[in-house]
């Protein structure tokens, strides 16, 4: 018999919103209405946090205060070769950057700071410095173009930016008043990893090594993590200081059994919440070490595991498949004895990839599902708890059920929509899509699942138009918008097509204007055109030229028919 899920807060799970300590109240003013929030569950001792909380104190300052300052915190590579900072050295860098933000740039608590850079110790220090100064970090993926950055800058009303000098070109367009993607709110930009006398490093040298952390509230927003959604219009998910700690105190503690001896490496950018947790917040929370790699290949990541003695690796299934093939081909070329956990997330993990990795390395993959809206992984299992064909069980501290379209729970074995809640959850920045993501107090990530009688959850499919390729979320309509700017394209439709290595790839069905022929040369030209318009990972890897697109009588594109055609094309190959 179907049972209705609880639709309101009760006294055991409710938590009143602590008063804000922010001078700038933009984020508090633009939280969704409380009746559109998910239920937040704080029924475990790990997620009981004091009212006044700055997460950087817990991630960094407490280690130094308790005598662990000489432990290695982050490693990476700079222009001179391999480098690293201890917890005490990282704290000094963070404090000096915080001074630059507050004193040189004059930023006030609650103001938004765009952060742009690949994974590096300096990127990590800038991230932590902004949080310590009470700012709201708006991290951006390194591959985003100026048009995409402008949407984020405008939506979050970002006032200032710190940007890696290696990624200056696209952001420079946003501060150029003559450029089409000029963002008027962005008043100040400083470059880091720069020899410029006005750059971040030169300014840091002028400041003290001590900085008192801003006395923020546990419920002050510290992070706006953007995700495109299915429409291509970015959604900003707002997370509090306590959310950053909550993601550290559940999944890595209970599933990975993380400790100070761990060394973490991997590929997800810090700008992606999967990377923010696995590559920075998790290791710092436990006094461990993060290895931050900017440029990597399957081979270089395998070599880094041996070089640094990594115990944990975070990346997407596509990378694990490529790494497994390399290990199988050259079994004595890589030293992987230190590895305890290899964590896969960002897209569905094919069982074939799991088995290929296990055969090559002897390591059982730790699969997980999370999301930007809930900040990190909430369903996972590791080691002997792994069950073939399943992602795993609910991470302690979270609750999950399978529901039907009426939000009624369904019995084990019945396919339905995944509903989840816990100490973290969706709060979009001033966005009507909040009502679609949260129903009756539950987060609905947009995934179709089935749960067995033992509480194991198995992924079935996405129930929206999002394309997930090699761990990247790609909105079909956004790619269509880029394609339509090409002079040869009359109309187009974009869907995800199954791919054994990337999970899905972007497939574009294109109707050409009169006078153009669908040649391989034009296909390549269109692909390169899209790469220059939006982030390169979003380009259509397959282009199908056709006479017309399937539409309803009212002209609406029938994407389900395109998906059927994509499946047929795959079957023919």
Foldseek 3Di string as FASTA:
>chain_A
DWDFDFQDEDPQQDDDQQDWPFPDCQQVVQWDPPSLAFGAGDNDPQLDDDFWDQLLCLLQVVCVVVPQQQFWAEWEADPVGTDTHGSLRLLLLLQLLLCCVCPVVVDTAAAEEEEEDFWDSNSLSNLSSCSQNNYAYQYDYLQWALQLVLLVCQLRLHAEYEYAPVSVVRVVLCCDPVHPSPRVSHNYYAYPPDPDCRHSVVSSVVDDSDDHGDRTTQNRWRYFQWDLPQQNRIWTFTDGSSLLSVVQRWCCCQAVVDALAAEEEEHDGCSFLACVCRQHRNNSSHNHYHYTYRDDALVRVQQVCQVVLHQEYEFALLSLQVNLVVCVVPVPPGDNVSYAAYEHELDDHDLVSQVSNCVSPVAGYWYFYDHVFQSYGFATHGDPQDDRQFRHAGTPQKDKFFAAPVNIGDDAPDKHFIWMHGNTGGTIRNDPCSNVQGGSSTGTPQWIWGAHPVRTIGTDGGNDQWARWRSGTEHFNVLQVQLVVDQFFPGKGWGWAQDPNGRTFIEMETETDPPDDPDPVVVVVSQVSSVVVTRNRRGGPHYHYDNDFDADPVGHGDVVVVRVVSHVVVVVD
